[in-house]
């Protein structure tokens, strides 16, 4: 996911910006997440993400989830 984000974010449209969140615990477990912001409609955002971002790899849980459970 980190590599995909680094490849995608610099080429995103000017109306879109994103950040990458990394949490690492002392025992080596980690959690990765991203937030995307877009100045436009929700349907335009969905089209931009589909067109410019490769699908992420399947998630894995290595730490207790904070915002939602892993599936």
Protein backbone atom coordinates (compact mmCIF):
# COMPACT_ATOMS: atom_id res chain seq x y z
CA UNK A 1 0.00 0.00 0.00
CA UNK A 2 2.81 2.43 0.80
CA UNK A 3 4.47 1.92 -2.59
CA UNK A 4 1.14 2.35 -4.40
CA UNK A 5 0.41 5.55 -2.51
CA UNK A 6 3.88 6.96 -3.24
CA UNK A 7 3.44 6.23 -6.95
CA UNK A 8 -0.09 7.65 -7.10
CA UNK A 9 -0.13 10.72 -4.83
CA UNK A 10 2.34 12.97 -6.73
CA UNK A 11 0.40 12.52 -9.98
CA UNK A 12 -3.08 13.04 -8.47
CA UNK A 13 -5.14 15.93 -9.85
CA UNK A 14 -4.65 19.32 -8.18
CA UNK A 15 -8.19 19.16 -6.73
CA UNK A 16 -7.26 15.97 -4.85
CA UNK A 17 -4.85 15.50 -1.98
CA UNK A 18 -4.17 12.61 0.33
CA UNK A 19 -2.14 11.65 3.33
CA UNK A 20 -0.81 8.32 4.50
CA UNK A 21 -1.08 7.29 8.15
CA UNK A 22 1.43 4.85 9.61
CA UNK A 23 1.18 3.54 13.15
CA UNK A 24 3.97 1.30 14.43
CA UNK A 25 4.03 -0.33 17.83
CA UNK A 26 7.19 -1.20 19.77
CA UNK A 27 6.55 -4.91 19.14
CA UNK A 28 6.77 -4.37 15.35
CA UNK A 29 3.07 -4.53 14.59
CA UNK A 30 1.73 -1.77 12.38
CA UNK A 31 -1.36 -0.19 10.85
CA UNK A 32 -1.53 1.71 7.54
CA UNK A 33 -4.37 3.95 6.33
CA UNK A 34 -4.99 6.86 3.99
CA UNK A 35 -7.38 9.77 3.71
CA UNK A 36 -8.28 11.32 0.34
CA UNK A 37 -9.77 14.82 0.01
CA UNK A 38 -11.28 16.13 -3.22
CA UNK A 39 -12.77 19.48 -4.23
CA UNK A 40 -15.56 18.15 -6.42
CA UNK A 41 -18.52 15.81 -6.37
CA UNK A 42 -18.49 12.36 -4.80
CA UNK A 43 -19.02 10.71 -8.19
CA UNK A 44 -16.08 12.65 -9.70
CA UNK A 45 -13.92 11.52 -6.76
CA UNK A 46 -14.90 7.88 -7.29
CA UNK A 47 -14.01 8.18 -10.98
CA UNK A 48 -10.65 9.83 -10.19
CA UNK A 49 -9.71 7.12 -7.69
CA UNK A 50 -10.77 4.31 -10.03
CA UNK A 51 -8.80 5.85 -12.90
CA UNK A 52 -5.61 6.74 -11.07
CA UNK A 53 -5.09 4.38 -8.15
CA UNK A 54 -4.25 0.70 -8.51
CA UNK A 55 -6.27 -1.58 -6.29
CA UNK A 56 -4.61 -2.04 -2.90
CA UNK A 57 -3.42 -5.43 -1.74
CA UNK A 58 -5.77 -7.29 0.59
CA UNK A 59 -5.62 -5.92 4.14
CA UNK A 60 -4.01 -7.85 6.92
CA UNK A 61 -4.45 -7.25 10.62
CA UNK A 62 -1.24 -7.09 12.61
CA UNK A 63 -2.47 -4.76 15.35
CA UNK A 64 -5.73 -4.06 17.13
CA UNK A 65 -7.94 -2.02 14.77
CA UNK A 66 -8.67 1.53 15.86
CA UNK A 67 -11.46 2.72 13.55
CA UNK A 68 -13.02 -0.50 12.26
CA UNK A 69 -12.40 -4.23 12.43
CA UNK A 70 -10.27 -5.90 9.77
CA UNK A 71 -12.01 -8.47 7.64
